[in-house]
Amino acid sequence: MTIALLLAALLAQASPSPAPAAQAGDPLPGDWIAVPDDELLVFTLSNGRTVTLRLASAQAPVHVANIRALARAHWWDVGTSVYRVQENYVAQWGDATEKKPLPTGIVANPPAEYVRSGNSAVARLTKSDPYAAWAGYSRDGWPLAGDATAEWMPHCYGMVGVARDLAPSTGSGAELYTIIGHSPRVLDRNIAVVGRVVDGMDALSTLPRGTGDLGFYTDEGQRLAIVSARLASDIPAAERPHFQYRETVSPRFAAWIKGRENRKNDFFTVPAGGVDICAALPPVRKTP
């Protein structure tokens, strides 16, 4: 090899790989919208891990008001834990004894905020949903399912719901769970969905499975204690986490939906022509 060719080869090895070509659904910087600080709830666990939820105040306002009040009362800071982890179903946390009093002002049984009248979706998937007439996205970045008169948030991986007893109980919000397995959409419209885990999901999904009925831990020593729960708005500014959700109204987001419904690259040789809403959750990202 000549010196010129050798030099060219070395330069080629040293040069960075070209950036991937822009796709039609790629977001622009202005397509990201900050999640309000009072919609972020950070749980710190005794193993040092944190789990951050985004709260859906518009979808379940009374339940979310309860959750905010519980956090501000530091209710989860003492005597609570992750006490149930059921394989392919849920991780659940709160007071395993169900005896801890709720703070003054908490609504023990809010209205059944399982369904909301109207239709606020600003973007929809092409095909109908197996559990609803349609599935799509709200303007503020939430997954939705619905029919001609109502809408609700679906039980997808990472979504957060309010544990309850048999009806007429609706759950106060003190006992929460997140989906850690295949999306149990039969729970839609039967339980209040109040948000989504946006960071630290693996801190819950990788926990040992409970061996008791429904995945409850039979040994109290297996329970993972909760050290604290704080709204980001109550955390010092220098320590506060920040997240953004992607806007859902631009042609770029519509192209993103189309891309999720019809994967086209060297791996996907047969486009599906559609997608489950739980396989196309609205993008959320953590920011400095």
Protein backbone atom coordinates (compact mmCIF):
# COMPACT_ATOMS: atom_id res chain seq x y z
CA MET A 1 0.00 0.00 0.00
CA THR A 2 1.35 3.42 -0.90
CA ILE A 3 1.82 6.11 1.72
CA ALA A 4 -1.06 8.09 0.19
CA LEU A 5 -3.43 5.14 0.33
CA LEU A 6 -2.32 4.27 3.87
CA LEU A 7 -2.96 7.83 5.01
CA ALA A 8 -6.39 7.81 3.38
CA ALA A 9 -7.25 4.54 5.12
CA LEU A 10 -6.15 5.90 8.51
CA LEU A 11 -8.15 9.08 8.03
CA ALA A 12 -11.21 7.04 7.10
CA GLN A 13 -10.87 4.99 10.30
CA ALA A 14 -10.47 8.13 12.39
CA SER A 15 -13.42 9.93 10.84
CA PRO A 16 -16.72 9.65 12.76
CA SER A 17 -19.53 7.65 11.19
CA PRO A 18 -22.04 9.82 9.35
CA ALA A 19 -25.11 10.71 11.34
CA PRO A 20 -28.26 8.74 10.49
CA ALA A 21 -30.37 10.40 7.85
CA ALA A 22 -33.25 12.45 9.25
CA GLN A 23 -36.59 10.69 9.19
CA ALA A 24 -39.96 12.29 8.49
CA GLY A 25 -41.12 11.72 12.06
CA ASP A 26 -38.00 13.04 13.78
CA PRO A 27 -38.79 15.87 16.22
CA LEU A 28 -37.39 19.37 15.99
CA PRO A 29 -36.15 21.07 19.18
CA GLY A 30 -39.37 23.05 19.48
CA ASP A 31 -41.45 19.88 19.43
CA TRP A 32 -40.56 19.12 23.06
CA ILE A 33 -42.70 20.63 25.83
CA ALA A 34 -41.69 20.79 29.50
CA VAL A 35 -43.68 18.67 31.94
CA PRO A 36 -44.89 20.98 34.75
CA ASP A 37 -43.03 20.43 38.01
CA ASP A 38 -46.20 19.67 39.94
CA GLU A 39 -46.96 16.81 37.54
CA LEU A 40 -43.76 14.98 38.50
CA LEU A 41 -43.73 12.79 41.61
CA VAL A 42 -40.43 11.23 42.69
CA PHE A 43 -40.40 8.15 44.92
CA THR A 44 -37.10 7.30 46.60
CA LEU A 45 -36.74 3.65 47.61
CA SER A 46 -34.65 2.19 50.40
CA ASN A 47 -32.25 0.57 47.92
CA GLY A 48 -31.28 4.01 46.64
CA ARG A 49 -33.31 3.84 43.43
CA THR A 50 -35.82 6.49 42.40
CA VAL A 51 -39.00 6.17 40.39
CA THR A 52 -40.53 9.27 38.79
CA LEU A 53 -44.17 9.47 37.75
CA ARG A 54 -45.90 12.00 35.57
CA LEU A 55 -49.39 12.71 36.94
CA ALA A 56 -52.39 13.08 34.64
CA SER A 57 -54.32 15.79 36.44
CA ALA A 58 -56.70 16.48 33.55
CA GLN A 59 -57.78 12.85 33.28
CA ALA A 60 -58.29 12.10 37.00
CA PRO A 61 -58.32 15.45 38.84
CA VAL A 62 -59.63 14.34 42.25
CA HIS A 63 -57.39 11.28 42.48
CA VAL A 64 -54.38 13.35 41.43
CA ALA A 65 -55.28 16.07 43.96
CA ASN A 66 -55.26 13.33 46.61
CA ILE A 67 -51.88 12.07 45.44
CA ARG A 68 -50.39 15.55 45.58
CA ALA A 69 -51.81 16.05 49.08
CA LEU A 70 -50.39 12.69 50.22
CA ALA A 71 -46.96 13.67 48.90
CA ARG A 72 -47.06 17.09 50.57
CA ALA A 73 -48.11 15.43 53.86
CA HIS A 74 -45.13 13.05 53.48
CA TRP A 75 -47.58 10.18 53.94
CA TRP A 76 -45.47 7.68 51.98
CA ASP A 77 -42.30 8.49 53.97
CA VAL A 78 -43.08 6.18 56.91
CA GLY A 79 -44.45 2.64 56.98
CA THR A 80 -44.99 2.20 53.24
CA SER A 81 -43.33 -0.08 50.71
CA VAL A 82 -43.52 -1.91 47.42
CA TYR A 83 -45.36 -4.94 48.76
CA ARG A 84 -46.70 -6.71 45.68
CA VAL A 85 -44.92 -7.71 42.47
CA GLN A 86 -46.97 -10.05 40.30
CA GLU A 87 -45.29 -11.62 37.27
CA ASN A 88 -46.52 -10.20 33.94
CA TYR A 89 -48.96 -7.91 35.74
CA VAL A 90 -48.21 -5.18 38.30
CA ALA A 91 -45.91 -3.79 40.96
CA GLN A 92 -47.92 -2.19 43.76
CA TRP A 93 -46.94 0.09 46.63
CA GLY A 94 -48.41 1.90 49.63
CA ASP A 95 -49.37 0.64 53.09
CA ALA A 96 -49.36 -3.17 53.07
CA THR A 97 -51.31 -3.27 56.34
CA GLU A 98 -54.06 -0.98 55.01
CA LYS A 99 -54.26 0.47 58.53
CA LYS A 100 -52.32 3.71 58.19
CA PRO A 101 -54.67 6.69 58.57
CA LEU A 102 -54.98 9.07 55.65
CA PRO A 103 -54.20 12.76 56.16
CA THR A 104 -57.04 15.17 56.82
CA GLY A 105 -58.69 16.35 53.63
CA ILE A 106 -58.03 13.25 51.53
CA VAL A 107 -61.12 12.07 49.66
CA ALA A 108 -61.33 8.39 50.60
CA ASN A 109 -63.47 7.49 47.58
CA PRO A 110 -63.29 10.08 44.81
CA PRO A 111 -65.65 9.98 41.85
CA ALA A 112 -64.99 7.03 39.56
CA GLU A 113 -62.60 8.86 37.25
CA TYR A 114 -62.27 5.88 34.93
CA VAL A 115 -63.84 7.54 31.89
CA ARG A 116 -64.04 11.16 30.82
CA SER A 117 -66.82 12.43 28.59
CA GLY A 118 -65.87 14.04 25.30
CA ASN A 119 -63.03 13.47 22.89
CA SER A 120 -59.79 15.42 23.28
CA ALA A 121 -57.58 13.33 20.99
CA VAL A 122 -55.65 15.49 18.54
CA ALA A 123 -54.00 12.56 16.74
CA ARG A 124 -55.21 9.01 16.19
CA LEU A 125 -53.88 5.68 15.10
CA THR A 126 -55.08 4.44 11.72
CA LYS A 127 -56.81 1.28 12.89
CA SER A 128 -59.42 0.83 15.59
CA ASP A 129 -58.28 -0.43 18.97
CA PRO A 130 -59.28 -3.97 20.12
CA TYR A 131 -60.71 -2.47 23.32
CA ALA A 132 -62.10 0.79 21.97
CA ALA A 133 -63.46 2.41 18.83
CA TRP A 134 -60.25 4.44 18.50
CA ALA A 135 -56.89 5.09 20.12
CA GLY A 136 -54.80 8.22 19.93
CA TYR A 137 -53.09 11.04 21.78
CA SER A 138 -54.10 14.06 23.81
CA ARG A 139 -52.68 17.52 23.23
CA ASP A 140 -50.74 17.25 26.51
CA GLY A 141 -49.00 14.03 25.51
CA TRP A 142 -51.09 11.19 26.97
CA PRO A 143 -52.22 7.96 25.28
CA LEU A 144 -56.00 7.69 24.96
CA ALA A 145 -58.65 5.23 23.89
CA GLY A 146 -62.30 6.05 23.38
CA ASP A 147 -65.59 5.85 21.57
CA ALA A 148 -68.03 8.38 20.14
CA THR A 149 -68.82 10.00 23.49
CA ALA A 150 -66.00 9.28 25.94
CA GLU A 151 -62.29 8.65 26.38
CA TRP A 152 -59.99 7.01 28.89
CA MET A 153 -56.32 6.26 29.46
CA PRO A 154 -55.29 2.69 28.59
CA HIS A 155 -53.53 0.21 30.86
CA CYS A 156 -50.19 0.04 29.06
CA TYR A 157 -46.75 -0.90 30.36
CA GLY A 158 -45.57 1.75 32.81
CA MET A 159 -48.96 3.39 33.26
CA VAL A 160 -49.95 4.03 36.90
CA GLY A 161 -53.33 3.17 38.38
CA VAL A 162 -55.07 3.49 41.75
CA ALA A 163 -55.52 0.22 43.61
CA ARG A 164 -59.00 -0.22 45.05
CA ASP A 165 -61.29 -2.70 46.78
CA LEU A 166 -64.50 -3.93 45.21
CA ALA A 167 -66.94 -1.26 43.99
CA PRO A 168 -68.16 1.17 45.12
CA SER A 169 -64.57 1.71 46.31
CA THR A 170 -62.57 3.85 43.87
CA GLY A 171 -59.30 4.01 45.81
CA SER A 172 -57.88 7.14 47.43
CA GLY A 173 -54.55 7.17 45.58
CA ALA A 174 -52.55 6.05 48.61
CA GLU A 175 -52.15 2.61 47.04
CA LEU A 176 -50.73 2.75 43.52
CA TYR A 177 -49.53 0.23 40.96
CA THR A 178 -47.79 0.20 37.61
CA ILE A 179 -48.06 -2.31 34.79
CA ILE A 180 -44.89 -4.42 34.48
CA GLY A 181 -46.06 -6.95 31.90
CA HIS A 182 -48.35 -7.40 28.93
CA SER A 183 -50.91 -4.60 28.84
CA PRO A 184 -54.02 -5.72 30.82
CA ARG A 185 -56.47 -3.65 28.82
CA VAL A 186 -59.47 -5.38 30.44
CA LEU A 187 -58.76 -3.04 33.38
CA ASP A 188 -59.58 -0.03 31.19
CA ARG A 189 -62.64 1.84 32.50
CA ASN A 190 -62.57 -0.19 35.73
CA ILE A 191 -59.80 1.59 37.63
CA ALA A 192 -58.55 5.17 37.68
CA VAL A 193 -55.35 5.65 35.67
CA VAL A 194 -53.50 8.62 37.12
CA GLY A 195 -50.19 8.76 35.29
CA ARG A 196 -47.16 7.03 33.90
CA VAL A 197 -43.69 6.07 35.11
CA VAL A 198 -41.30 8.24 33.10
CA ASP A 199 -38.05 7.26 34.82
CA GLY A 200 -36.85 4.33 36.91
CA MET A 201 -39.28 1.76 35.57
CA ASP A 202 -36.63 -0.94 35.85
CA ALA A 203 -36.43 -0.29 39.61
CA LEU A 204 -39.91 -1.83 39.83
CA SER A 205 -40.04 -4.27 36.92
CA THR A 206 -36.89 -6.15 38.01
CA LEU A 207 -37.92 -6.73 41.62
CA PRO A 208 -38.33 -10.33 42.83
CA ARG A 209 -41.81 -11.67 42.19
CA GLY A 210 -44.01 -12.23 45.20
CA THR A 211 -44.89 -15.82 45.98
CA GLY A 212 -48.19 -15.13 47.70
CA ASP A 213 -51.59 -14.89 46.04
CA LEU A 214 -51.61 -12.18 43.36
CA GLY A 215 -47.89 -11.62 43.83
CA PHE A 216 -47.99 -10.25 47.38
CA TYR A 217 -44.80 -10.71 49.39
CA THR A 218 -45.45 -13.29 52.11
CA ASP A 219 -42.33 -12.26 54.05
CA GLU A 220 -42.36 -8.69 55.34
CA GLY A 221 -38.60 -8.61 54.85
CA GLN A 222 -39.14 -8.79 51.09
CA ARG A 223 -41.00 -5.51 51.01
CA LEU A 224 -39.00 -2.63 49.57
CA ALA A 225 -39.47 0.37 51.82
CA ILE A 226 -40.32 3.80 50.44
CA VAL A 227 -38.06 6.49 51.90
CA SER A 228 -39.87 9.52 50.50
CA ALA A 229 -42.25 10.80 47.86
CA ARG A 230 -41.92 14.39 46.65
CA LEU A 231 -43.47 16.49 43.94
CA ALA A 232 -40.73 18.01 41.81
CA SER A 233 -42.20 21.42 42.61
CA ASP A 234 -41.30 20.77 46.29
CA ILE A 235 -37.72 19.67 45.57
CA PRO A 236 -34.95 22.31 45.66
CA ALA A 237 -34.42 23.74 42.20
CA ALA A 238 -30.84 22.50 41.93
CA GLU A 239 -31.96 18.90 42.59
CA ARG A 240 -35.25 18.97 40.70
CA PRO A 241 -35.68 16.52 37.80
CA HIS A 242 -36.92 17.81 34.45
CA PHE A 243 -38.80 15.99 31.71
CA GLN A 244 -40.35 16.89 28.39
CA TYR A 245 -43.12 15.27 26.38
CA ARG A 246 -43.39 15.45 22.63
CA GLU A 247 -46.11 17.60 21.10
CA THR A 248 -48.79 15.63 19.24
CA VAL A 249 -50.25 18.09 16.73
CA SER A 250 -47.57 18.63 14.08
CA PRO A 251 -47.14 16.84 10.74
CA ARG A 252 -43.93 15.43 12.21
CA PHE A 253 -45.87 13.64 14.94
CA ALA A 254 -48.33 12.33 12.37
CA ALA A 255 -45.32 10.98 10.47
CA TRP A 256 -44.05 9.41 13.70
CA ILE A 257 -47.39 7.57 14.06
CA LYS A 258 -47.18 6.38 10.47
CA GLY A 259 -43.65 5.18 11.09
CA ARG A 260 -44.75 3.20 14.14
CA GLU A 261 -47.57 1.65 12.15
CA ASN A 262 -45.38 0.79 9.17
CA ARG A 263 -41.82 0.00 10.18
CA LYS A 264 -39.51 0.36 7.21
CA ASN A 265 -35.84 -0.46 7.54
CA ASP A 266 -33.44 -3.30 6.80
CA PHE A 267 -34.94 -5.45 9.54
CA PHE A 268 -38.71 -5.00 9.03
CA THR A 269 -39.56 -6.52 5.66
CA VAL A 270 -43.35 -6.66 6.14
CA PRO A 271 -45.07 -3.48 7.40
CA ALA A 272 -47.80 -4.23 9.94
CA GLY A 273 -50.16 -1.55 8.71
CA GLY A 274 -51.13 -0.65 12.27
CA VAL A 275 -49.93 -0.56 15.86
CA ASP A 276 -51.26 -1.10 19.37
CA ILE A 277 -51.43 2.15 21.35
CA CYS A 278 -49.39 0.43 24.07
CA ALA A 279 -46.60 -0.14 21.55
CA ALA A 280 -46.66 3.52 20.54
CA LEU A 281 -46.73 5.48 23.80
CA PRO A 282 -46.04 9.21 23.40
CA PRO A 283 -42.31 9.94 23.72
CA VAL A 284 -41.04 11.45 26.98
CA ARG A 285 -37.43 12.40 27.68
CA LYS A 286 -35.38 13.51 30.65
CA THR A 287 -33.53 16.80 30.32
CA PRO A 288 -30.71 18.42 32.33
